[in-house]
PDB file of N, CA and C in Angstrom:
ATOM      1  N   MET A   1       0.721  -1.196  -0.012  1.00  0.00           N
ATOM      2  CA  MET A   1      -0.077  -0.059  -0.039  1.00  0.00           C
ATOM      3  C   MET A   1       0.805   1.198   0.008  1.00  0.00           C
ATOM      4  N   LYS A   2       0.553   2.189  -0.739  1.00  0.00           N
ATOM      5  CA  LYS A   2       1.285   3.523  -0.878  1.00  0.00           C
ATOM      6  C   LYS A   2       1.107   4.171   0.451  1.00  0.00           C
ATOM      7  N   LYS A   3       2.168   4.934   0.782  1.00  0.00           N
ATOM      8  CA  LYS A   3       2.251   5.701   2.030  1.00  0.00           C
ATOM      9  C   LYS A   3       1.242   6.934   1.925  1.00  0.00           C
ATOM     10  N   LEU A   4       0.510   7.007   3.004  1.00  0.00           N
ATOM     11  CA  LEU A   4      -0.493   8.182   3.013  1.00  0.00           C
ATOM     12  C   LEU A   4       0.166   9.377   3.591  1.00  0.00           C
ATOM     13  N   LYS A   5      -0.248  10.444   2.863  1.00  0.00           N
ATOM     14  CA  LYS A   5       0.497  11.809   3.374  1.00  0.00           C
ATOM     15  C   LYS A   5      -0.598  12.684   4.286  1.00  0.00           C
ATOM     16  N   GLY A   6      -1.753  12.618   3.776  1.00  0.00           N
ATOM     17  CA  GLY A   6      -2.899  13.569   4.212  1.00  0.00           C
ATOM     18  C   GLY A   6      -3.472  13.139   5.614  1.00  0.00           C
ATOM     19  N   ASP A   7      -4.394  13.912   5.905  1.00  0.00           N
ATOM     20  CA  ASP A   7      -5.268  13.581   7.194  1.00  0.00           C
ATOM     21  C   ASP A   7      -6.698  13.317   6.704  1.00  0.00           C
ATOM     22  N   TYR A   8      -7.110  13.709   5.498  1.00  0.00           N
ATOM     23  CA  TYR A   8      -8.539  13.341   5.168  1.00  0.00           C
ATOM     24  C   TYR A   8      -8.413  12.576   3.813  1.00  0.00           C
ATOM     25  N   PHE A   9      -9.451  11.505   3.639  1.00  0.00           N
ATOM     26  CA  PHE A   9      -9.477  10.797   2.366  1.00  0.00           C
ATOM     27  C   PHE A   9     -10.789  10.549   1.926  1.00  0.00           C
ATOM     28  N   ILE A  10     -11.153  10.098   0.821  1.00  0.00           N
ATOM     29  CA  ILE A  10     -12.324   9.446   0.331  1.00  0.00           C
ATOM     30  C   ILE A  10     -11.763   8.165  -0.428  1.00  0.00           C
ATOM     31  N   TYR A  11     -12.689   7.159  -0.497  1.00  0.00           N
ATOM     32  CA  TYR A  11     -12.398   5.947  -1.201  1.00  0.00           C
ATOM     33  C   TYR A  11     -13.092   6.193  -2.727  1.00  0.00           C
ATOM     34  N   SER A  12     -12.111   5.860  -3.787  1.00  0.00           N
ATOM     35  CA  SER A  12     -12.533   5.597  -5.069  1.00  0.00           C
ATOM     36  C   SER A  12     -12.285   4.383  -5.627  1.00  0.00           C
ATOM     37  N   ALA A  13     -13.112   4.056  -6.618  1.00  0.00           N
ATOM     38  CA  ALA A  13     -12.879   2.718  -7.377  1.00  0.00           C
ATOM     39  C   ALA A  13     -13.631   3.020  -8.600  1.00  0.00           C
ATOM     40  N   ASN A  14     -13.661   1.780  -9.300  1.00  0.00           N
ATOM     41  CA  ASN A  14     -14.407   1.662 -10.616  1.00  0.00           C
ATOM     42  C   ASN A  14     -15.462   0.582 -10.300  1.00  0.00           C
ATOM     43  N   ARG A  15     -16.846   0.954 -10.729  1.00  0.00           N
ATOM     44  CA  ARG A  15     -17.870  -0.039 -10.595  1.00  0.00           C
ATOM     45  C   ARG A  15     -17.732  -1.039 -11.630  1.00  0.00           C
ATOM     46  N   LEU A  16     -17.714  -2.353 -11.169  1.00  0.00           N
ATOM     47  CA  LEU A  16     -17.354  -3.464 -12.047  1.00  0.00           C
ATOM     48  C   LEU A  16     -18.425  -3.616 -13.255  1.00  0.00           C
ATOM     49  N   LYS A  17     -19.664  -3.276 -12.973  1.00  0.00           N
ATOM     50  CA  LYS A  17     -20.839  -3.337 -13.920  1.00  0.00           C
ATOM     51  C   LYS A  17     -20.653  -2.614 -15.063  1.00  0.00           C
ATOM     52  N   ASP A  18     -20.269  -1.281 -14.927  1.00  0.00           N
ATOM     53  CA  ASP A  18     -20.053  -0.356 -16.104  1.00  0.00           C
ATOM     54  C   ASP A  18     -18.769   0.345 -16.312  1.00  0.00           C
ATOM     55  N   GLY A  19     -17.819   0.234 -15.286  1.00  0.00           N
ATOM     56  CA  GLY A  19     -16.598   0.744 -15.306  1.00  0.00           C
ATOM     57  C   GLY A  19     -16.503   2.253 -14.996  1.00  0.00           C
ATOM     58  N   LYS A  20     -17.680   2.752 -14.508  1.00  0.00           N
ATOM     59  CA  LYS A  20     -17.728   4.209 -14.189  1.00  0.00           C
ATOM     60  C   LYS A  20     -16.991   4.386 -12.716  1.00  0.00           C
ATOM     61  N   VAL A  21     -16.374   5.654 -12.601  1.00  0.00           N
ATOM     62  CA  VAL A  21     -15.750   6.051 -11.292  1.00  0.00           C
ATOM     63  C   VAL A  21     -16.829   6.048 -10.176  1.00  0.00           C
ATOM     64  N   VAL A  22     -16.614   5.629  -9.100  1.00  0.00           N
ATOM     65  CA  VAL A  22     -17.535   5.768  -8.048  1.00  0.00           C
ATOM     66  C   VAL A  22     -16.700   5.911  -6.730  1.00  0.00           C
ATOM     67  N   PHE A  23     -17.541   6.502  -5.795  1.00  0.00           N
ATOM     68  CA  PHE A  23     -16.823   6.941  -4.472  1.00  0.00           C
ATOM     69  C   PHE A  23     -17.686   6.359  -3.318  1.00  0.00           C
ATOM     70  N   LEU A  24     -17.012   5.831  -2.175  1.00  0.00           N
ATOM     71  CA  LEU A  24     -17.804   5.289  -1.127  1.00  0.00           C
ATOM     72  C   LEU A  24     -18.556   6.471  -0.342  1.00  0.00           C
ATOM     73  N   CYS A  25     -19.839   6.160  -0.177  1.00  0.00           N
ATOM     74  CA  CYS A  25     -20.801   6.940   0.422  1.00  0.00           C
ATOM     75  C   CYS A  25     -21.586   6.341   1.560  1.00  0.00           C
ATOM     76  N   ILE A  26     -22.165   7.138   2.423  1.00  0.00           N
ATOM     77  CA  ILE A  26     -23.073   6.478   3.469  1.00  0.00           C
ATOM     78  C   ILE A  26     -24.541   6.991   3.102  1.00  0.00           C
ATOM     79  N   ARG A  27     -25.336   6.174   3.048  1.00  0.00           N
ATOM     80  CA  ARG A  27     -26.851   6.637   2.724  1.00  0.00           C
ATOM     81  C   ARG A  27     -27.663   5.770   3.723  1.00  0.00           C
ATOM     82  N   GLU A  28     -28.620   6.413   4.539  1.00  0.00           N
ATOM     83  CA  GLU A  28     -29.355   5.772   5.486  1.00  0.00           C
ATOM     84  C   GLU A  28     -28.409   4.573   6.370  1.00  0.00           C
ATOM     85  N   ARG A  29     -27.369   5.032   6.706  1.00  0.00           N
ATOM     86  CA  ARG A  29     -26.400   4.198   7.579  1.00  0.00           C
ATOM     87  C   ARG A  29     -25.999   3.111   6.973  1.00  0.00           C
ATOM     88  N   LYS A  30     -25.843   2.992   5.664  1.00  0.00           N
ATOM     89  CA  LYS A  30     -25.419   1.974   4.921  1.00  0.00           C
ATOM     90  C   LYS A  30     -24.373   2.482   3.966  1.00  0.00           C
ATOM     91  N   THR A  31     -23.163   1.684   3.651  1.00  0.00           N
ATOM     92  CA  THR A  31     -22.248   2.206   2.771  1.00  0.00           C
ATOM     93  C   THR A  31     -22.670   1.724   1.211  1.00  0.00           C
ATOM     94  N   ILE A  32     -22.578   2.783   0.497  1.00  0.00           N
ATOM     95  CA  ILE A  32     -23.020   2.506  -1.067  1.00  0.00           C
ATOM     96  C   ILE A  32     -21.844   3.281  -1.967  1.00  0.00           C
ATOM     97  N   TRP A  33     -21.854   2.940  -3.151  1.00  0.00           N
ATOM     98  CA  TRP A  33     -20.880   3.518  -4.125  1.00  0.00           C
ATOM     99  C   TRP A  33     -21.774   4.488  -4.998  1.00  0.00           C
ATOM    100  N   ASN A  34     -21.280   5.689  -5.036  1.00  0.00           N
ATOM    101  CA  ASN A  34     -22.073   6.727  -5.750  1.00  0.00           C
ATOM    102  C   ASN A  34     -21.056   7.325  -6.835  1.00  0.00           C
ATOM    103  N   GLU A  35     -21.526   7.843  -7.808  1.00  0.00           N
ATOM    104  CA  GLU A  35     -20.710   8.518  -8.990  1.00  0.00           C
ATOM    105  C   GLU A  35     -20.347   9.925  -8.542  1.00  0.00           C
ATOM    106  N   SER A  36     -20.822  10.486  -7.581  1.00  0.00           N
ATOM    107  CA  SER A  36     -20.502  11.860  -7.122  1.00  0.00           C
ATOM    108  C   SER A  36     -19.478  11.799  -6.027  1.00  0.00           C
ATOM    109  N   SER A  37     -18.281  12.516  -6.259  1.00  0.00           N
ATOM    110  CA  SER A  37     -17.370  12.721  -5.132  1.00  0.00           C
ATOM    111  C   SER A  37     -17.830  13.737  -4.046  1.00  0.00           C
ATOM    112  N   LYS A  38     -18.754  14.469  -4.496  1.00  0.00           N
ATOM    113  CA  LYS A  38     -19.327  15.548  -3.538  1.00  0.00           C
ATOM    114  C   LYS A  38     -20.161  14.725  -2.403  1.00  0.00           C
ATOM    115  N   ASN A  39     -20.605  13.559  -2.686  1.00  0.00           N
ATOM    116  CA  ASN A  39     -21.378  12.897  -1.679  1.00  0.00           C
ATOM    117  C   ASN A  39     -20.557  11.836  -1.055  1.00  0.00           C
ATOM    118  N   ALA A  40     -19.280  11.780  -1.298  1.00  0.00           N
ATOM    119  CA  ALA A  40     -18.212  10.723  -0.731  1.00  0.00           C
ATOM    120  C   ALA A  40     -18.097  10.917   0.831  1.00  0.00           C
ATOM    121  N   LEU A  41     -17.853   9.760   1.332  1.00  0.00           N
ATOM    122  CA  LEU A  41     -17.719   9.797   2.868  1.00  0.00           C
ATOM    123  C   LEU A  41     -16.219  10.320   3.140  1.00  0.00           C
ATOM    124  N   LYS A  42     -16.185  11.391   3.724  1.00  0.00           N
ATOM    125  CA  LYS A  42     -14.779  12.027   4.272  1.00  0.00           C
ATOM    126  C   LYS A  42     -14.401  11.090   5.371  1.00  0.00           C
ATOM    127  N   ILE A  43     -13.038  10.479   5.240  1.00  0.00           N
ATOM    128  CA  ILE A  43     -12.677   9.664   6.167  1.00  0.00           C
ATOM    129  C   ILE A  43     -11.320  10.287   6.708  1.00  0.00           C
ATOM    130  N   LYS A  44     -11.313  10.387   8.118  1.00  0.00           N
ATOM    131  CA  LYS A  44     -10.004  10.885   8.762  1.00  0.00           C
ATOM    132  C   LYS A  44      -9.051   9.586   8.728  1.00  0.00           C
ATOM    133  N   ARG A  45      -7.749  10.024   8.696  1.00  0.00           N
ATOM    134  CA  ARG A  45      -6.711   8.996   8.829  1.00  0.00           C
ATOM    135  C   ARG A  45      -7.111   7.883   9.860  1.00  0.00           C
ATOM    136  N   ASN A  46      -7.277   8.305  10.984  1.00  0.00           N
ATOM    137  CA  ASN A  46      -7.572   7.320  12.022  1.00  0.00           C
ATOM    138  C   ASN A  46      -8.967   6.386  11.859  1.00  0.00           C
ATOM    139  N   GLU A  47      -9.604   6.699  10.881  1.00  0.00           N
ATOM    140  CA  GLU A  47     -11.014   5.935  10.801  1.00  0.00           C
ATOM    141  C   GLU A  47     -10.875   4.884   9.479  1.00  0.00           C
ATOM    142  N   ILE A  48      -9.613   4.934   8.899  1.00  0.00           N
ATOM    143  CA  ILE A  48      -9.543   4.081   7.447  1.00  0.00           C
ATOM    144  C   ILE A  48      -9.928   2.712   7.775  1.00  0.00           C
ATOM    145  N   GLU A  49      -9.505   2.285   8.911  1.00  0.00           N
ATOM    146  CA  GLU A  49      -9.645   0.742   9.124  1.00  0.00           C
ATOM    147  C   GLU A  49     -11.130   0.446   9.343  1.00  0.00           C
ATOM    148  N   LEU A  50     -12.119   1.463   9.854  1.00  0.00           N
ATOM    149  CA  LEU A  50     -13.493   1.234   9.994  1.00  0.00           C
ATOM    150  C   LEU A  50     -14.119   0.888   8.669  1.00  0.00           C
ATOM    151  N   TYR A  51     -13.523   1.295   7.632  1.00  0.00           N
ATOM    152  CA  TYR A  51     -14.205   1.165   6.338  1.00  0.00           C
ATOM    153  C   TYR A  51     -13.519   0.354   5.406  1.00  0.00           C
ATOM    154  N   GLU A  52     -12.182  -0.094   5.722  1.00  0.00           N
ATOM    155  CA  GLU A  52     -11.321  -0.809   4.928  1.00  0.00           C
ATOM    156  C   GLU A  52     -11.902  -2.286   4.555  1.00  0.00           C
ATOM    157  N   ASN A  53     -12.491  -2.858   5.528  1.00  0.00           N
ATOM    158  CA  ASN A  53     -12.998  -4.262   5.473  1.00  0.00           C
ATOM    159  C   ASN A  53     -14.341  -4.218   4.473  1.00  0.00           C
ATOM    160  N   GLN A  54     -15.065  -3.222   4.663  1.00  0.00           N
ATOM    161  CA  GLN A  54     -16.362  -3.150   3.715  1.00  0.00           C
ATOM    162  C   GLN A  54     -15.947  -2.912   2.336  1.00  0.00           C
ATOM    163  N   VAL A  55     -14.980  -2.001   1.957  1.00  0.00           N
ATOM    164  CA  VAL A  55     -14.417  -1.815   0.634  1.00  0.00           C
ATOM    165  C   VAL A  55     -13.775  -3.092   0.177  1.00  0.00           C
ATOM    166  N   ASN A  56     -13.072  -3.817   0.932  1.00  0.00           N
ATOM    167  CA  ASN A  56     -12.442  -5.108   0.423  1.00  0.00           C
ATOM    168  C   ASN A  56     -13.482  -6.177   0.116  1.00  0.00           C
ATOM    169  N   ARG A  57     -14.553  -6.153   1.011  1.00  0.00           N
ATOM    170  CA  ARG A  57     -15.699  -7.094   0.788  1.00  0.00           C
ATOM    171  C   ARG A  57     -16.517  -6.577  -0.543  1.00  0.00           C
ATOM    172  N   ASP A  58     -16.673  -5.327  -0.765  1.00  0.00           N
ATOM    173  CA  ASP A  58     -17.363  -4.977  -2.023  1.00  0.00           C
ATOM    174  C   ASP A  58     -16.418  -5.356  -3.288  1.00  0.00           C
ATOM    175  N   GLU A  59     -15.138  -5.349  -3.104  1.00  0.00           N
ATOM    176  CA  GLU A  59     -14.398  -5.730  -4.402  1.00  0.00           C
ATOM    177  C   GLU A  59     -14.607  -7.197  -4.538  1.00  0.00           C
ATOM    178  N   ARG A  60     -14.353  -7.993  -3.332  1.00  0.00           N
ATOM    179  CA  ARG A  60     -14.462  -9.465  -3.379  1.00  0.00           C
ATOM    180  C   ARG A  60     -15.826  -9.946  -4.039  1.00  0.00           C
ATOM    181  N   ASN A  61     -16.851  -9.130  -3.799  1.00  0.00           N
ATOM    182  CA  ASN A  61     -18.307  -9.461  -4.189  1.00  0.00           C
ATOM    183  C   ASN A  61     -18.498  -8.929  -5.544  1.00  0.00           C
ATOM    184  N   CYS A  62     -17.418  -8.459  -6.298  1.00  0.00           N
ATOM    185  CA  CYS A  62     -17.588  -7.864  -7.579  1.00  0.00           C
ATOM    186  C   CYS A  62     -18.503  -6.699  -7.904  1.00  0.00           C
ATOM    187  N   ILE A  63     -18.567  -5.843  -6.888  1.00  0.00           N
ATOM    188  CA  ILE A  63     -19.298  -4.589  -6.978  1.00  0.00           C
ATOM    189  C   ILE A  63     -18.413  -3.508  -7.617  1.00  0.00           C
ATOM    190  N   ILE A  64     -17.178  -3.480  -6.890  1.00  0.00           N
ATOM    191  CA  ILE A  64     -16.189  -2.479  -7.437  1.00  0.00           C
ATOM    192  C   ILE A  64     -14.868  -3.217  -7.836  1.00  0.00           C
ATOM    193  N   ILE A  65     -13.882  -2.476  -8.386  1.00  0.00           N
ATOM    194  CA  ILE A  65     -12.660  -2.954  -8.653  1.00  0.00           C
ATOM    195  C   ILE A  65     -11.658  -1.768  -8.474  1.00  0.00           C
ATOM    196  N   GLY A  66     -10.453  -2.136  -8.037  1.00  0.00           N
ATOM    197  CA  GLY A  66      -9.333  -1.219  -7.781  1.00  0.00           C
ATOM    198  C   GLY A  66      -9.635  -0.245  -6.836  1.00  0.00           C
ATOM    199  N   PRO A  67     -10.135  -0.396  -5.636  1.00  0.00           N
ATOM    200  CA  PRO A  67     -10.339   0.643  -4.604  1.00  0.00           C
ATOM    201  C   PRO A  67      -9.086   1.429  -4.035  1.00  0.00           C
ATOM    202  N   TYR A  68      -9.115   2.623  -3.858  1.00  0.00           N
ATOM    203  CA  TYR A  68      -7.998   3.245  -3.168  1.00  0.00           C
ATOM    204  C   TYR A  68      -8.323   4.586  -2.662  1.00  0.00           C
ATOM    205  N   LEU A  69      -7.528   4.986  -1.829  1.00  0.00           N
ATOM    206  CA  LEU A  69      -7.871   6.135  -0.977  1.00  0.00           C
ATOM    207  C   LEU A  69      -7.457   7.561  -1.858  1.00  0.00           C
ATOM    208  N   VAL A  70      -8.154   8.478  -2.003  1.00  0.00           N
ATOM    209  CA  VAL A  70      -7.735   9.673  -2.449  1.00  0.00           C
ATOM    210  C   VAL A  70      -7.670  10.781  -1.359  1.00  0.00           C
ATOM    211  N   GLU A  71      -6.686  11.436  -1.463  1.00  0.00           N
ATOM    212  CA  GLU A  71      -6.253  12.640  -0.486  1.00  0.00           C
ATOM    213  C   GLU A  71      -7.218  13.843  -0.738  1.00  0.00           C
ATOM    214  N   ILE A  72      -7.873  14.414   0.357  1.00  0.00           N
ATOM    215  CA  ILE A  72      -8.715  15.595   0.131  1.00  0.00           C
ATOM    216  C   ILE A  72      -8.152  16.646   1.263  1.00  0.00           C
ATOM    217  N   LYS A  73      -8.687  17.750   1.028  1.00  0.00           N
ATOM    218  CA  LYS A  73      -8.472  18.769   1.900  1.00  0.00           C
ATOM    219  C   LYS A  73      -9.667  18.706   3.065  1.00  0.00           C
ATOM    220  N   GLU A  74      -9.505  19.191   4.323  1.00  0.00           N
ATOM    221  CA  GLU A  74     -10.500  19.196   5.179  1.00  0.00           C
ATOM    222  C   GLU A  74     -11.899  19.597   4.803  1.00  0.00           C
ATOM    223  N   ASN A  75     -11.820  20.485   3.828  1.00  0.00           N
ATOM    224  CA  ASN A  75     -13.188  20.979   3.475  1.00  0.00           C
ATOM    225  C   ASN A  75     -13.911  20.112   2.125  1.00  0.00           C
ATOM    226  N   GLY A  76     -13.080  18.864   1.952  1.00  0.00           N
ATOM    227  CA  GLY A  76     -13.685  17.749   1.086  1.00  0.00           C
ATOM    228  C   GLY A  76     -13.101  17.920  -0.333  1.00  0.00           C
ATOM    229  N   GLU A  77     -12.212  19.096  -0.669  1.00  0.00           N
ATOM    230  CA  GLU A  77     -11.841  19.219  -1.927  1.00  0.00           C
ATOM    231  C   GLU A  77     -10.759  18.267  -2.310  1.00  0.00           C
ATOM    232  N   ILE A  78     -10.824  17.568  -3.450  1.00  0.00           N
ATOM    233  CA  ILE A  78      -9.773  16.862  -3.970  1.00  0.00           C
ATOM    234  C   ILE A  78      -8.459  17.585  -4.349  1.00  0.00           C
ATOM    235  N   ILE A  79      -7.411  17.053  -3.861  1.00  0.00           N
ATOM    236  CA  ILE A  79      -6.016  17.595  -4.037  1.00  0.00           C
ATOM    237  C   ILE A  79      -5.529  17.462  -5.375  1.00  0.00           C
ATOM    238  N   LYS A  80      -5.374  16.267  -5.814  1.00  0.00           N
ATOM    239  CA  LYS A  80      -4.559  15.885  -7.082  1.00  0.00           C
ATOM    240  C   LYS A  80      -5.535  16.149  -8.284  1.00  0.00           C
ATOM    241  N   LEU A  81      -4.880  16.704  -9.338  1.00  0.00           N
ATOM    242  CA  LEU A  81      -5.597  17.003 -10.661  1.00  0.00           C
ATOM    243  C   LEU A  81      -6.025  15.771 -11.250  1.00  0.00           C
ATOM    244  N   ARG A  82      -5.276  14.697 -11.241  1.00  0.00           N
ATOM    245  CA  ARG A  82      -5.774  13.441 -11.866  1.00  0.00           C
ATOM    246  C   ARG A  82      -7.066  12.928 -11.190  1.00  0.00           C
ATOM    247  N   GLU A  83      -7.003  12.968  -9.881  1.00  0.00           N
ATOM    248  CA  GLU A  83      -8.345  12.641  -9.268  1.00  0.00           C
ATOM    249  C   GLU A  83      -9.501  13.668  -9.516  1.00  0.00           C
ATOM    250  N   LYS A  84      -9.296  14.790  -9.473  1.00  0.00           N
ATOM    251  CA  LYS A  84     -10.257  15.803  -9.855  1.00  0.00           C
ATOM    252  C   LYS A  84     -10.908  15.500 -11.346  1.00  0.00           C
ATOM    253  N   ILE A  85      -9.951  15.223 -12.168  1.00  0.00           N
ATOM    254  CA  ILE A  85     -10.468  14.714 -13.479  1.00  0.00           C
ATOM    255  C   ILE A  85     -11.401  13.513 -13.511  1.00  0.00           C
ATOM    256  N   ARG A  86     -10.790  12.389 -12.867  1.00  0.00           N
ATOM    257  CA  ARG A  86     -11.681  11.199 -12.741  1.00  0.00           C
ATOM    258  C   ARG A  86     -12.944  11.500 -11.952  1.00  0.00           C
ATOM    259  N   SER A  87     -13.077  12.334 -11.092  1.00  0.00           N
ATOM    260  CA  SER A  87     -14.309  12.756 -10.386  1.00  0.00           C
ATOM    261  C   SER A  87     -15.385  13.547 -11.387  1.00  0.00           C
ATOM    262  N   ASN A  88     -14.845  14.137 -12.286  1.00  0.00           N
ATOM    263  CA  ASN A  88     -15.653  14.929 -13.121  1.00  0.00           C
ATOM    264  C   ASN A  88     -16.219  14.118 -14.340  1.00  0.00           C
ATOM    265  N   GLY A  89     -15.499  12.891 -14.629  1.00  0.00           N
ATOM    266  CA  GLY A  89     -15.853  12.094 -15.736  1.00  0.00           C
ATOM    267  C   GLY A  89     -15.237  12.467 -16.999  1.00  0.00           C
ATOM    268  N   LEU A  90     -15.704  12.183 -18.237  1.00  0.00           N
ATOM    269  CA  LEU A  90     -15.092  12.493 -19.406  1.00  0.00           C
ATOM    270  C   LEU A  90     -15.026  13.917 -19.607  1.00  0.00           C
ATOM    271  N   ASN A  91     -13.821  14.552 -19.993  1.00  0.00           N
ATOM    272  CA  ASN A  91     -13.717  16.098 -20.191  1.00  0.00           C
ATOM    273  C   ASN A  91     -13.610  16.473 -21.615  1.00  0.00           C
ATOM    274  N   ILE A  92     -14.003  15.517 -22.435  1.00  0.00           N
ATOM    275  CA  ILE A  92     -14.161  15.774 -23.959  1.00  0.00           C
ATOM    276  C   ILE A  92     -15.395  15.381 -24.473  1.00  0.00           C
ATOM    277  N   ASN A  93     -15.942  15.805 -25.468  1.00  0.00           N
ATOM    278  CA  ASN A  93     -17.132  15.343 -26.003  1.00  0.00           C
ATOM    279  C   ASN A  93     -16.828  14.273 -27.078  1.00  0.00           C
ATOM    280  N   TYR A  94     -17.155  13.219 -26.650  1.00  0.00           N
ATOM    281  CA  TYR A  94     -16.977  11.901 -27.392  1.00  0.00           C
ATOM    282  C   TYR A  94     -17.953  11.500 -28.207  1.00  0.00           C
ATOM    283  N   LYS A  95     -18.010  11.346 -29.410  1.00  0.00           N
ATOM    284  CA  LYS A  95     -18.920  10.910 -30.391  1.00  0.00           C
ATOM    285  C   LYS A  95     -18.531   9.799 -31.204  1.00  0.00           C
ATOM    286  N   GLU A  96     -19.032   8.731 -31.041  1.00  0.00           N
ATOM    287  CA  GLU A  96     -18.456   7.420 -31.758  1.00  0.00           C
ATOM    288  C   GLU A  96     -18.970   7.483 -33.265  1.00  0.00           C
ATOM    289  N   ASN A  97     -18.240   7.212 -34.149  1.00  0.00           N
ATOM    290  CA  ASN A  97     -18.687   7.119 -35.535  1.00  0.00           C
ATOM    291  C   ASN A  97     -19.175   5.848 -35.753  1.00  0.00           C
ATOM    292  N   VAL A  98     -20.522   5.801 -36.299  1.00  0.00           N
ATOM    293  CA  VAL A  98     -21.137   4.566 -36.462  1.00  0.00           C
ATOM    294  C   VAL A  98     -21.292   4.472 -38.030  1.00  0.00           C
TER     295      VAL A  98
END
């Protein structure tokens, strides 16, 4: 596992069903995977272990693939440009030629 630098994180992964980027969220006291990083569960460094087992279980159950922690600021803003781009989805107008 890569060394964590920050104090606040969100979990990101890809949904296995369609490949979309998703983020770990809590809804009605249950963990779910949502496409919006704005709804992501903000996890403090000392809370990571509380959610790690659930994330690993979701990967084993083929709900998500490749989960990892994304560093955020205390206000929830994603720090790295790569992760900002991933959270916003495609940044080009893609039109497939048929």
